[in-house]
Amino acid sequence: MNAISQLWKTRLEGFGAGFRLYAVSHTGWKAHGPVDEAEAVRMVRHAIDNGVNYVDTAYIYHGGQSEVVLGKALRDGYREKVKIATKFPVRMCQSTADFDRILNEQLQRLGPTTSIFT
């Protein structure tokens, strides 16, 4: 299945409280700092356990590490509890092939059973 087919299969339902992975770096509220993976996973799961049902990330956050960390945080049954939004780097997309490659990279970073809303 190509990336576009995967995207169209995503169902959107009501969003409630959200969590933004922009702020999981060691250096504070920066999208490009290093990530304490264990602490970031703990933070995401704590947020979900306390009612968050929407998680926001982006292709560029922390050099792509934000999507990887989110994929790990959503293992063990957490994926079914949230919707995921990620920002697509439009300026990096010059062709349909670029679109498919980048979106597939995002899906791979987030994990094998992930659908996203970009």
PDB file of N, CA and C in Angstrom:
ATOM      1  N   MET A   1       0.855  -1.176   0.000  1.00  0.00           N
ATOM      2  CA  MET A   1       0.000   0.000   0.000  1.00  0.00           C
ATOM      3  C   MET A   1       0.900   1.238   0.000  1.00  0.00           C
ATOM      4  N   ASN A   2       0.616   2.185  -0.885  1.00  0.00           N
ATOM      5  CA  ASN A   2       1.443   3.389  -0.904  1.00  0.00           C
ATOM      6  C   ASN A   2       1.000   4.369   0.188  1.00  0.00           C
ATOM      7  N   ALA A   3       1.793   5.392   0.387  1.00  0.00           N
ATOM      8  CA  ALA A   3       1.553   6.347   1.473  1.00  0.00           C
ATOM      9  C   ALA A   3       0.211   7.052   1.338  1.00  0.00           C
ATOM     10  N   ILE A   4      -0.184   7.395   0.124  1.00  0.00           N
ATOM     11  CA  ILE A   4      -1.451   8.094  -0.073  1.00  0.00           C
ATOM     12  C   ILE A   4      -2.624   7.194   0.309  1.00  0.00           C
ATOM     13  N   SER A   5      -2.577   5.924  -0.083  1.00  0.00           N
ATOM     14  CA  SER A   5      -3.636   4.991   0.302  1.00  0.00           C
ATOM     15  C   SER A   5      -3.730   4.865   1.812  1.00  0.00           C
ATOM     16  N   GLN A   6      -2.581   4.784   2.480  1.00  0.00           N
ATOM     17  CA  GLN A   6      -2.556   4.693   3.944  1.00  0.00           C
ATOM     18  C   GLN A   6      -3.175   5.945   4.565  1.00  0.00           C
ATOM     19  N   LEU A   7      -2.836   7.101   4.024  1.00  0.00           N
ATOM     20  CA  LEU A   7      -3.351   8.363   4.549  1.00  0.00           C
ATOM     21  C   LEU A   7      -4.864   8.429   4.438  1.00  0.00           C
ATOM     22  N   TRP A   8      -5.431   8.014   3.316  1.00  0.00           N
ATOM     23  CA  TRP A   8      -6.867   8.100   3.119  1.00  0.00           C
ATOM     24  C   TRP A   8      -7.638   7.124   3.999  1.00  0.00           C
ATOM     25  N   LYS A   9      -6.995   6.085   4.503  1.00  0.00           N
ATOM     26  CA  LYS A   9      -7.675   5.134   5.380  1.00  0.00           C
ATOM     27  C   LYS A   9      -7.838   5.662   6.804  1.00  0.00           C
ATOM     28  N   THR A  10      -7.172   6.764   7.118  1.00  0.00           N
ATOM     29  CA  THR A  10      -7.233   7.337   8.463  1.00  0.00           C
ATOM     30  C   THR A  10      -8.619   7.896   8.738  1.00  0.00           C
ATOM     31  N   ARG A  11      -9.202   7.518   9.863  1.00  0.00           N
ATOM     32  CA  ARG A  11     -10.502   8.062  10.286  1.00  0.00           C
ATOM     33  C   ARG A  11     -10.267   9.108  11.357  1.00  0.00           C
ATOM     34  N   LEU A  12     -10.892  10.239  11.193  1.00  0.00           N
ATOM     35  CA  LEU A  12     -10.755  11.300  12.192  1.00  0.00           C
ATOM     36  C   LEU A  12     -11.998  11.337  13.062  1.00  0.00           C
ATOM     37  N   GLU A  13     -11.796  11.338  14.352  1.00  0.00           N
ATOM     38  CA  GLU A  13     -12.877  11.471  15.309  1.00  0.00           C
ATOM     39  C   GLU A  13     -12.515  12.620  16.224  1.00  0.00           C
ATOM     40  N   GLY A  14     -13.326  12.886  17.220  1.00  0.00           N
ATOM     41  CA  GLY A  14     -13.103  14.017  18.104  1.00  0.00           C
ATOM     42  C   GLY A  14     -11.752  14.007  18.797  1.00  0.00           C
ATOM     43  N   PHE A  15     -11.131  15.155  18.812  1.00  0.00           N
ATOM     44  CA  PHE A  15      -9.872  15.340  19.525  1.00  0.00           C
ATOM     45  C   PHE A  15     -10.182  16.017  20.848  1.00  0.00           C
ATOM     46  N   GLY A  16      -9.516  15.620  21.899  1.00  0.00           N
ATOM     47  CA  GLY A  16      -9.673  16.245  23.204  1.00  0.00           C
ATOM     48  C   GLY A  16      -8.398  16.953  23.590  1.00  0.00           C
ATOM     49  N   ALA A  17      -7.841  16.569  24.709  1.00  0.00           N
ATOM     50  CA  ALA A  17      -6.595  17.161  25.184  1.00  0.00           C
ATOM     51  C   ALA A  17      -5.429  16.636  24.356  1.00  0.00           C
ATOM     52  N   GLY A  18      -4.457  17.516  24.078  1.00  0.00           N
ATOM     53  CA  GLY A  18      -3.332  17.127  23.249  1.00  0.00           C
ATOM     54  C   GLY A  18      -1.992  17.258  23.941  1.00  0.00           C
ATOM     55  N   PHE A  19      -0.977  16.622  23.362  1.00  0.00           N
ATOM     56  CA  PHE A  19       0.396  16.660  23.852  1.00  0.00           C
ATOM     57  C   PHE A  19       1.293  16.908  22.651  1.00  0.00           C
ATOM     58  N   ARG A  20       2.156  17.904  22.753  1.00  0.00           N
ATOM     59  CA  ARG A  20       3.038  18.280  21.650  1.00  0.00           C
ATOM     60  C   ARG A  20       4.463  17.849  21.944  1.00  0.00           C
ATOM     61  N   LEU A  21       5.050  17.039  21.068  1.00  0.00           N
ATOM     62  CA  LEU A  21       6.397  16.534  21.286  1.00  0.00           C
ATOM     63  C   LEU A  21       7.494  17.528  20.919  1.00  0.00           C
ATOM     64  N   TYR A  22       7.113  18.733  20.600  1.00  0.00           N
ATOM     65  CA  TYR A  22       8.088  19.786  20.314  1.00  0.00           C
ATOM     66  C   TYR A  22       8.996  20.012  21.517  1.00  0.00           C
ATOM     67  N   ALA A  23       8.471  19.787  22.698  1.00  0.00           N
ATOM     68  CA  ALA A  23       9.144  20.200  23.928  1.00  0.00           C
ATOM     69  C   ALA A  23       9.789  19.070  24.717  1.00  0.00           C
ATOM     70  N   VAL A  24      10.284  18.052  24.059  1.00  0.00           N
ATOM     71  CA  VAL A  24      10.861  16.937  24.810  1.00  0.00           C
ATOM     72  C   VAL A  24      12.383  16.920  24.797  1.00  0.00           C
ATOM     73  N   SER A  25      13.014  18.045  24.482  1.00  0.00           N
ATOM     74  CA  SER A  25      14.475  18.054  24.434  1.00  0.00           C
ATOM     75  C   SER A  25      15.082  18.324  25.797  1.00  0.00           C
ATOM     76  N   HIS A  26      16.371  17.995  25.939  1.00  0.00           N
ATOM     77  CA  HIS A  26      17.122  18.298  27.156  1.00  0.00           C
ATOM     78  C   HIS A  26      17.267  19.794  27.368  1.00  0.00           C
ATOM     79  N   THR A  27      17.166  20.549  26.287  1.00  0.00           N
ATOM     80  CA  THR A  27      17.492  21.968  26.344  1.00  0.00           C
ATOM     81  C   THR A  27      16.274  22.860  26.453  1.00  0.00           C
ATOM     82  N   GLY A  28      15.149  22.311  26.834  1.00  0.00           N
ATOM     83  CA  GLY A  28      13.957  23.130  27.017  1.00  0.00           C
ATOM     84  C   GLY A  28      13.052  23.106  25.801  1.00  0.00           C
ATOM     85  N   TRP A  29      12.346  24.175  25.578  1.00  0.00           N
ATOM     86  CA  TRP A  29      11.320  24.263  24.541  1.00  0.00           C
ATOM     87  C   TRP A  29      11.940  24.524  23.177  1.00  0.00           C
ATOM     88  N   LYS A  30      12.651  23.549  22.665  1.00  0.00           N
ATOM     89  CA  LYS A  30      13.292  23.667  21.362  1.00  0.00           C
ATOM     90  C   LYS A  30      13.008  22.408  20.558  1.00  0.00           C
ATOM     91  N   ALA A  31      12.790  22.592  19.276  1.00  0.00           N
ATOM     92  CA  ALA A  31      12.471  21.445  18.419  1.00  0.00           C
ATOM     93  C   ALA A  31      13.703  20.732  17.910  1.00  0.00           C
ATOM     94  N   HIS A  32      14.878  21.218  18.238  1.00  0.00           N
ATOM     95  CA  HIS A  32      16.070  20.628  17.638  1.00  0.00           C
ATOM     96  C   HIS A  32      17.100  20.157  18.656  1.00  0.00           C
ATOM     97  N   GLY A  33      16.770  20.170  19.928  1.00  0.00           N
ATOM     98  CA  GLY A  33      17.714  19.723  20.938  1.00  0.00           C
ATOM     99  C   GLY A  33      17.718  18.220  21.082  1.00  0.00           C
ATOM    100  N   PRO A  34      18.685  17.691  21.834  1.00  0.00           N
ATOM    101  CA  PRO A  34      18.735  16.243  22.075  1.00  0.00           C
ATOM    102  C   PRO A  34      17.551  15.779  22.913  1.00  0.00           C
ATOM    103  N   VAL A  35      17.181  14.523  22.754  1.00  0.00           N
ATOM    104  CA  VAL A  35      16.014  13.964  23.434  1.00  0.00           C
ATOM    105  C   VAL A  35      16.454  12.925  24.454  1.00  0.00           C
ATOM    106  N   ASP A  36      15.925  13.022  25.670  1.00  0.00           N
ATOM    107  CA  ASP A  36      16.062  11.970  26.671  1.00  0.00           C
ATOM    108  C   ASP A  36      14.929  10.990  26.373  1.00  0.00           C
ATOM    109  N   GLU A  37      15.245   9.941  25.642  1.00  0.00           N
ATOM    110  CA  GLU A  37      14.218   9.037  25.144  1.00  0.00           C
ATOM    111  C   GLU A  37      13.364   8.429  26.250  1.00  0.00           C
ATOM    112  N   ALA A  38      13.988   7.936  27.293  1.00  0.00           N
ATOM    113  CA  ALA A  38      13.231   7.300  28.385  1.00  0.00           C
ATOM    114  C   ALA A  38      12.286   8.305  29.046  1.00  0.00           C
ATOM    115  N   GLU A  39      12.755   9.515  29.261  1.00  0.00           N
ATOM    116  CA  GLU A  39      11.915  10.543  29.890  1.00  0.00           C
ATOM    117  C   GLU A  39      10.789  10.970  28.951  1.00  0.00           C
ATOM    118  N   ALA A  40      11.077  11.080  27.670  1.00  0.00           N
ATOM    119  CA  ALA A  40      10.048  11.459  26.710  1.00  0.00           C
ATOM    120  C   ALA A  40       8.959  10.387  26.631  1.00  0.00           C
ATOM    121  N   VAL A  41       9.333   9.126  26.594  1.00  0.00           N
ATOM    122  CA  VAL A  41       8.354   8.033  26.589  1.00  0.00           C
ATOM    123  C   VAL A  41       7.511   8.085  27.862  1.00  0.00           C
ATOM    124  N   ARG A  42       8.164   8.305  29.006  1.00  0.00           N
ATOM    125  CA  ARG A  42       7.440   8.409  30.274  1.00  0.00           C
ATOM    126  C   ARG A  42       6.436   9.569  30.236  1.00  0.00           C
ATOM    127  N   MET A  43       6.854  10.719  29.696  1.00  0.00           N
ATOM    128  CA  MET A  43       5.983  11.889  29.623  1.00  0.00           C
ATOM    129  C   MET A  43       4.770  11.626  28.735  1.00  0.00           C
ATOM    130  N   VAL A  44       4.988  11.034  27.574  1.00  0.00           N
ATOM    131  CA  VAL A  44       3.885  10.752  26.654  1.00  0.00           C
ATOM    132  C   VAL A  44       2.899   9.790  27.302  1.00  0.00           C
ATOM    133  N   ARG A  45       3.394   8.736  27.884  1.00  0.00           N
ATOM    134  CA  ARG A  45       2.500   7.752  28.516  1.00  0.00           C
ATOM    135  C   ARG A  45       1.766   8.333  29.713  1.00  0.00           C
ATOM    136  N   HIS A  46       2.430   9.167  30.480  1.00  0.00           N
ATOM    137  CA  HIS A  46       1.774   9.830  31.610  1.00  0.00           C
ATOM    138  C   HIS A  46       0.630  10.711  31.098  1.00  0.00           C
ATOM    139  N   ALA A  47       0.890  11.451  30.037  1.00  0.00           N
ATOM    140  CA  ALA A  47      -0.144  12.311  29.462  1.00  0.00           C
ATOM    141  C   ALA A  47      -1.343  11.484  28.995  1.00  0.00           C
ATOM    142  N   ILE A  48      -1.083  10.377  28.299  1.00  0.00           N
ATOM    143  CA  ILE A  48      -2.167   9.519  27.814  1.00  0.00           C
ATOM    144  C   ILE A  48      -2.924   8.898  28.982  1.00  0.00           C
ATOM    145  N   ASP A  49      -2.203   8.438  29.987  1.00  0.00           N
ATOM    146  CA  ASP A  49      -2.849   7.852  31.168  1.00  0.00           C
ATOM    147  C   ASP A  49      -3.739   8.856  31.894  1.00  0.00           C
ATOM    148  N   ASN A  50      -3.503  10.146  31.650  1.00  0.00           N
ATOM    149  CA  ASN A  50      -4.268  11.192  32.320  1.00  0.00           C
ATOM    150  C   ASN A  50      -5.200  11.942  31.375  1.00  0.00           C
ATOM    151  N   GLY A  51      -5.585  11.308  30.285  1.00  0.00           N
ATOM    152  CA  GLY A  51      -6.646  11.834  29.440  1.00  0.00           C
ATOM    153  C   GLY A  51      -6.277  12.405  28.089  1.00  0.00           C
ATOM    154  N   VAL A  52      -5.013  12.537  27.769  1.00  0.00           N
ATOM    155  CA  VAL A  52      -4.635  13.033  26.452  1.00  0.00           C
ATOM    156  C   VAL A  52      -5.009  12.000  25.394  1.00  0.00           C
ATOM    157  N   ASN A  53      -5.646  12.455  24.310  1.00  0.00           N
ATOM    158  CA  ASN A  53      -6.008  11.520  23.236  1.00  0.00           C
ATOM    159  C   ASN A  53      -5.534  11.998  21.861  1.00  0.00           C
ATOM    160  N   TYR A  54      -4.648  12.986  21.860  1.00  0.00           N
ATOM    161  CA  TYR A  54      -4.132  13.571  20.620  1.00  0.00           C
ATOM    162  C   TYR A  54      -2.676  13.923  20.844  1.00  0.00           C
ATOM    163  N   VAL A  55      -1.792  13.414  19.965  1.00  0.00           N
ATOM    164  CA  VAL A  55      -0.361  13.675  20.101  1.00  0.00           C
ATOM    165  C   VAL A  55       0.141  14.321  18.811  1.00  0.00           C
ATOM    166  N   ASP A  56       0.894  15.399  18.976  1.00  0.00           N
ATOM    167  CA  ASP A  56       1.387  16.191  17.854  1.00  0.00           C
ATOM    168  C   ASP A  56       2.900  16.098  17.770  1.00  0.00           C
ATOM    169  N   THR A  57       3.411  15.878  16.559  1.00  0.00           N
ATOM    170  CA  THR A  57       4.842  15.831  16.318  1.00  0.00           C
ATOM    171  C   THR A  57       5.110  16.419  14.937  1.00  0.00           C
ATOM    172  N   ALA A  58       6.334  16.325  14.462  1.00  0.00           N
ATOM    173  CA  ALA A  58       6.665  16.811  13.121  1.00  0.00           C
ATOM    174  C   ALA A  58       7.882  16.077  12.586  1.00  0.00           C
ATOM    175  N   TYR A  59       7.966  16.007  11.290  1.00  0.00           N
ATOM    176  CA  TYR A  59       9.082  15.355  10.606  1.00  0.00           C
ATOM    177  C   TYR A  59      10.418  15.935  11.054  1.00  0.00           C
ATOM    178  N   ILE A  60      10.478  17.239  11.263  1.00  0.00           N
ATOM    179  CA  ILE A  60      11.750  17.894  11.586  1.00  0.00           C
ATOM    180  C   ILE A  60      12.054  17.987  13.077  1.00  0.00           C
ATOM    181  N   TYR A  61      11.086  17.764  13.945  1.00  0.00           N
ATOM    182  CA  TYR A  61      11.343  17.903  15.382  1.00  0.00           C
ATOM    183  C   TYR A  61      12.492  16.983  15.802  1.00  0.00           C
ATOM    184  N   HIS A  62      13.476  17.552  16.407  1.00  0.00           N
ATOM    185  CA  HIS A  62      14.618  16.808  16.946  1.00  0.00           C
ATOM    186  C   HIS A  62      15.285  15.926  15.885  1.00  0.00           C
ATOM    187  N   GLY A  63      15.371  16.451  14.665  1.00  0.00           N
ATOM    188  CA  GLY A  63      16.014  15.712  13.585  1.00  0.00           C
ATOM    189  C   GLY A  63      15.327  14.400  13.245  1.00  0.00           C
ATOM    190  N   GLY A  64      14.030  14.343  13.452  1.00  0.00           N
ATOM    191  CA  GLY A  64      13.268  13.128  13.181  1.00  0.00           C
ATOM    192  C   GLY A  64      13.124  12.221  14.392  1.00  0.00           C
ATOM    193  N   GLN A  65      13.853  12.499  15.440  1.00  0.00           N
ATOM    194  CA  GLN A  65      13.829  11.645  16.633  1.00  0.00           C
ATOM    195  C   GLN A  65      12.487  11.714  17.365  1.00  0.00           C
ATOM    196  N   SER A  66      11.786  12.828  17.254  1.00  0.00           N
ATOM    197  CA  SER A  66      10.491  12.959  17.906  1.00  0.00           C
ATOM    198  C   SER A  66       9.516  11.879  17.444  1.00  0.00           C
ATOM    199  N   GLU A  67       9.473  11.616  16.140  1.00  0.00           N
ATOM    200  CA  GLU A  67       8.582  10.576  15.630  1.00  0.00           C
ATOM    201  C   GLU A  67       9.022   9.191  16.092  1.00  0.00           C
ATOM    202  N   VAL A  68      10.318   8.953  16.167  1.00  0.00           N
ATOM    203  CA  VAL A  68      10.835   7.662  16.649  1.00  0.00           C
ATOM    204  C   VAL A  68      10.442   7.449  18.111  1.00  0.00           C
ATOM    205  N   VAL A  69      10.654   8.466  18.932  1.00  0.00           N
ATOM    206  CA  VAL A  69      10.314   8.382  20.359  1.00  0.00           C
ATOM    207  C   VAL A  69       8.815   8.170  20.529  1.00  0.00           C
ATOM    208  N   LEU A  70       8.014   8.892  19.753  1.00  0.00           N
ATOM    209  CA  LEU A  70       6.569   8.715  19.852  1.00  0.00           C
ATOM    210  C   LEU A  70       6.179   7.286  19.486  1.00  0.00           C
ATOM    211  N   GLY A  71       6.778   6.740  18.439  1.00  0.00           N
ATOM    212  CA  GLY A  71       6.497   5.355  18.079  1.00  0.00           C
ATOM    213  C   GLY A  71       6.778   4.398  19.222  1.00  0.00           C
ATOM    214  N   LYS A  72       7.862   4.619  19.928  1.00  0.00           N
ATOM    215  CA  LYS A  72       8.202   3.766  21.081  1.00  0.00           C
ATOM    216  C   LYS A  72       7.233   3.980  22.227  1.00  0.00           C
ATOM    217  N   ALA A  73       6.841   5.225  22.457  1.00  0.00           N
ATOM    218  CA  ALA A  73       5.910   5.524  23.550  1.00  0.00           C
ATOM    219  C   ALA A  73       4.539   4.902  23.316  1.00  0.00           C
ATOM    220  N   LEU A  74       4.178   4.721  22.053  1.00  0.00           N
ATOM    221  CA  LEU A  74       2.843   4.215  21.738  1.00  0.00           C
ATOM    222  C   LEU A  74       2.764   2.700  21.640  1.00  0.00           C
ATOM    223  N   ARG A  75       3.839   2.017  22.000  1.00  0.00           N
ATOM    224  CA  ARG A  75       3.801   0.548  22.068  1.00  0.00           C
ATOM    225  C   ARG A  75       2.996   0.116  23.291  1.00  0.00           C
ATOM    226  N   ASP A  76       2.788  -1.153  23.406  1.00  0.00           N
ATOM    227  CA  ASP A  76       2.146  -1.754  24.586  1.00  0.00           C
ATOM    228  C   ASP A  76       0.733  -1.224  24.828  1.00  0.00           C
ATOM    229  N   GLY A  77      -0.028  -1.036  23.743  1.00  0.00           N
ATOM    230  CA  GLY A  77      -1.427  -0.651  23.875  1.00  0.00           C
ATOM    231  C   GLY A  77      -1.709   0.836  23.893  1.00  0.00           C
ATOM    232  N   TYR A  78      -0.703   1.669  23.895  1.00  0.00           N
ATOM    233  CA  TYR A  78      -0.935   3.118  23.940  1.00  0.00           C
ATOM    234  C   TYR A  78      -1.384   3.665  22.585  1.00  0.00           C
ATOM    235  N   ARG A  79      -0.991   3.030  21.493  1.00  0.00           N
ATOM    236  CA  ARG A  79      -1.344   3.533  20.162  1.00  0.00           C
ATOM    237  C   ARG A  79      -2.852   3.621  19.966  1.00  0.00           C
ATOM    238  N   GLU A  80      -3.568   2.664  20.503  1.00  0.00           N
ATOM    239  CA  GLU A  80      -5.018   2.620  20.321  1.00  0.00           C
ATOM    240  C   GLU A  80      -5.733   3.732  21.064  1.00  0.00           C
ATOM    241  N   LYS A  81      -5.052   4.430  21.947  1.00  0.00           N
ATOM    242  CA  LYS A  81      -5.678   5.439  22.799  1.00  0.00           C
ATOM    243  C   LYS A  81      -5.578   6.861  22.255  1.00  0.00           C
ATOM    244  N   VAL A  82      -4.820   7.066  21.170  1.00  0.00           N
ATOM    245  CA  VAL A  82      -4.590   8.435  20.691  1.00  0.00           C
ATOM    246  C   VAL A  82      -4.692   8.551  19.176  1.00  0.00           C
ATOM    247  N   LYS A  83      -4.901   9.780  18.743  1.00  0.00           N
ATOM    248  CA  LYS A  83      -4.742  10.175  17.347  1.00  0.00           C
ATOM    249  C   LYS A  83      -3.384  10.858  17.251  1.00  0.00           C
ATOM    250  N   ILE A  84      -2.744  10.735  16.093  1.00  0.00           N
ATOM    251  CA  ILE A  84      -1.428  11.334  15.880  1.00  0.00           C
ATOM    252  C   ILE A  84      -1.524  12.362  14.762  1.00  0.00           C
ATOM    253  N   ALA A  85      -0.930  13.509  14.992  1.00  0.00           N
ATOM    254  CA  ALA A  85      -0.765  14.496  13.923  1.00  0.00           C
ATOM    255  C   ALA A  85       0.722  14.766  13.787  1.00  0.00           C
ATOM    256  N   THR A  86       1.180  14.821  12.561  1.00  0.00           N
ATOM    257  CA  THR A  86       2.565  15.193  12.314  1.00  0.00           C
ATOM    258  C   THR A  86       2.596  16.149  11.142  1.00  0.00           C
ATOM    259  N   LYS A  87       3.551  17.051  11.166  1.00  0.00           N
ATOM    260  CA  LYS A  87       3.665  18.009  10.084  1.00  0.00           C
ATOM    261  C   LYS A  87       4.550  17.447   8.981  1.00  0.00           C
ATOM    262  N   PHE A  88       4.085  17.590   7.761  1.00  0.00           N
ATOM    263  CA  PHE A  88       4.805  17.116   6.590  1.00  0.00           C
ATOM    264  C   PHE A  88       5.689  18.253   6.071  1.00  0.00           C
ATOM    265  N   PRO A  89       6.958  17.980   5.757  1.00  0.00           N
ATOM    266  CA  PRO A  89       7.873  19.024   5.290  1.00  0.00           C
ATOM    267  C   PRO A  89       7.669  19.334   3.804  1.00  0.00           C
ATOM    268  N   VAL A  90       6.663  20.120   3.507  1.00  0.00           N
ATOM    269  CA  VAL A  90       6.281  20.397   2.124  1.00  0.00           C
ATOM    270  C   VAL A  90       7.456  20.929   1.303  1.00  0.00           C
ATOM    271  N   ARG A  91       8.287  21.763   1.898  1.00  0.00           N
ATOM    272  CA  ARG A  91       9.407  22.342   1.133  1.00  0.00           C
ATOM    273  C   ARG A  91      10.422  21.293   0.682  1.00  0.00           C
ATOM    274  N   MET A  92      10.373  20.103   1.264  1.00  0.00           N
ATOM    275  CA  MET A  92      11.279  19.023   0.875  1.00  0.00           C
ATOM    276  C   MET A  92      10.676  18.145  -0.221  1.00  0.00           C
ATOM    277  N   CYS A  93       9.448  18.421  -0.578  1.00  0.00           N
ATOM    278  CA  CYS A  93       8.719  17.565  -1.515  1.00  0.00           C
ATOM    279  C   CYS A  93       8.675  18.226  -2.897  1.00  0.00           C
ATOM    280  N   GLN A  94       9.386  17.646  -3.831  1.00  0.00           N
ATOM    281  CA  GLN A  94       9.436  18.172  -5.193  1.00  0.00           C
ATOM    282  C   GLN A  94       8.688  17.292  -6.191  1.00  0.00           C
ATOM    283  N   SER A  95       8.253  16.114  -5.736  1.00  0.00           N
ATOM    284  CA  SER A  95       7.590  15.178  -6.650  1.00  0.00           C
ATOM    285  C   SER A  95       6.696  14.223  -5.858  1.00  0.00           C
ATOM    286  N   THR A  96       5.899  13.471  -6.595  1.00  0.00           N
ATOM    287  CA  THR A  96       5.069  12.444  -5.968  1.00  0.00           C
ATOM    288  C   THR A  96       5.949  11.402  -5.284  1.00  0.00           C
ATOM    289  N   ALA A  97       7.065  11.085  -5.896  1.00  0.00           N
ATOM    290  CA  ALA A  97       7.991  10.115  -5.299  1.00  0.00           C
ATOM    291  C   ALA A  97       8.531  10.640  -3.973  1.00  0.00           C
ATOM    292  N   ASP A  98       8.845  11.935  -3.911  1.00  0.00           N
ATOM    293  CA  ASP A  98       9.299  12.535  -2.646  1.00  0.00           C
ATOM    294  C   ASP A  98       8.217  12.426  -1.585  1.00  0.00           C
ATOM    295  N   PHE A  99       6.969  12.711  -1.978  1.00  0.00           N
ATOM    296  CA  PHE A  99       5.847  12.631  -1.042  1.00  0.00           C
ATOM    297  C   PHE A  99       5.741  11.228  -0.456  1.00  0.00           C
ATOM    298  N   ASP A 100       5.729  10.220  -1.331  1.00  0.00           N
ATOM    299  CA  ASP A 100       5.628   8.835  -0.862  1.00  0.00           C
ATOM    300  C   ASP A 100       6.807   8.454   0.025  1.00  0.00           C
ATOM    301  N   ARG A 101       8.024   8.829  -0.382  1.00  0.00           N
ATOM    302  CA  ARG A 101       9.223   8.484   0.392  1.00  0.00           C
ATOM    303  C   ARG A 101       9.176   9.110   1.787  1.00  0.00           C
ATOM    304  N   ILE A 102       8.844  10.391   1.864  1.00  0.00           N
ATOM    305  CA  ILE A 102       8.840  11.087   3.151  1.00  0.00           C
ATOM    306  C   ILE A 102       7.720  10.569   4.043  1.00  0.00           C
ATOM    307  N   LEU A 103       6.525  10.398   3.490  1.00  0.00           N
ATOM    308  CA  LEU A 103       5.416   9.900   4.303  1.00  0.00           C
ATOM    309  C   LEU A 103       5.688   8.473   4.781  1.00  0.00           C
ATOM    310  N   ASN A 104       6.250   7.640   3.917  1.00  0.00           N
ATOM    311  CA  ASN A 104       6.612   6.285   4.344  1.00  0.00           C
ATOM    312  C   ASN A 104       7.688   6.306   5.422  1.00  0.00           C
ATOM    313  N   GLU A 105       8.625   7.255   5.332  1.00  0.00           N
ATOM    314  CA  GLU A 105       9.631   7.405   6.385  1.00  0.00           C
ATOM    315  C   GLU A 105       8.973   7.779   7.709  1.00  0.00           C
ATOM    316  N   GLN A 106       7.995   8.677   7.653  1.00  0.00           N
ATOM    317  CA  GLN A 106       7.278   9.040   8.874  1.00  0.00           C
ATOM    318  C   GLN A 106       6.540   7.845   9.454  1.00  0.00           C
ATOM    319  N   LEU A 107       5.874   7.083   8.617  1.00  0.00           N
ATOM    320  CA  LEU A 107       5.159   5.898   9.098  1.00  0.00           C
ATOM    321  C   LEU A 107       6.115   4.889   9.704  1.00  0.00           C
ATOM    322  N   GLN A 108       7.285   4.719   9.093  1.00  0.00           N
ATOM    323  CA  GLN A 108       8.282   3.792   9.633  1.00  0.00           C
ATOM    324  C   GLN A 108       8.790   4.276  10.992  1.00  0.00           C
ATOM    325  N   ARG A 109       9.055   5.562  11.123  1.00  0.00           N
ATOM    326  CA  ARG A 109       9.521   6.107  12.398  1.00  0.00           C
ATOM    327  C   ARG A 109       8.477   5.903  13.497  1.00  0.00           C
ATOM    328  N   LEU A 110       7.218   6.097  13.150  1.00  0.00           N
ATOM    329  CA  LEU A 110       6.148   6.027  14.147  1.00  0.00           C
ATOM    330  C   LEU A 110       5.769   4.594  14.507  1.00  0.00           C
ATOM    331  N   GLY A 111       6.038   3.652  13.647  1.00  0.00           N
ATOM    332  CA  GLY A 111       5.751   2.266  13.969  1.00  0.00           C
ATOM    333  C   GLY A 111       4.846   1.611  12.949  1.00  0.00           C
ATOM    334  N   PRO A 112       4.822   0.284  12.961  1.00  0.00           N
ATOM    335  CA  PRO A 112       4.178  -0.481  11.902  1.00  0.00           C
ATOM    336  C   PRO A 112       2.658  -0.389  11.832  1.00  0.00           C
ATOM    337  N   THR A 113       1.994  -0.023  12.898  1.00  0.00           N
ATOM    338  CA  THR A 113       0.518   0.001  12.875  1.00  0.00           C
ATOM    339  C   THR A 113      -0.011   1.425  12.945  1.00  0.00           C
ATOM    340  N   THR A 114       0.775   2.374  12.512  1.00  0.00           N
ATOM    341  CA  THR A 114       0.404   3.769  12.684  1.00  0.00           C
ATOM    342  C   THR A 114      -0.252   4.358  11.451  1.00  0.00           C
ATOM    343  N   SER A 115      -1.336   5.072  11.674  1.00  0.00           N
ATOM    344  CA  SER A 115      -1.918   5.955  10.676  1.00  0.00           C
ATOM    345  C   SER A 115      -1.761   7.357  11.224  1.00  0.00           C
ATOM    346  N   ILE A 116      -1.488   8.304  10.343  1.00  0.00           N
ATOM    347  CA  ILE A 116      -1.249   9.669  10.811  1.00  0.00           C
ATOM    348  C   ILE A 116      -2.118  10.649  10.050  1.00  0.00           C
ATOM    349  N   PHE A 117      -2.289  11.806  10.635  1.00  0.00           N
ATOM    350  CA  PHE A 117      -2.973  12.921  10.000  1.00  0.00           C
ATOM    351  C   PHE A 117      -1.944  14.015   9.835  1.00  0.00           C
ATOM    352  N   THR A 118      -1.604  14.363   8.594  1.00  0.00           N
ATOM    353  CA  THR A 118      -0.583  15.380   8.361  1.00  0.00           C
ATOM    354  C   THR A 118      -1.191  16.676   7.907  1.00  0.00           C
TER     355      THR A 118
END
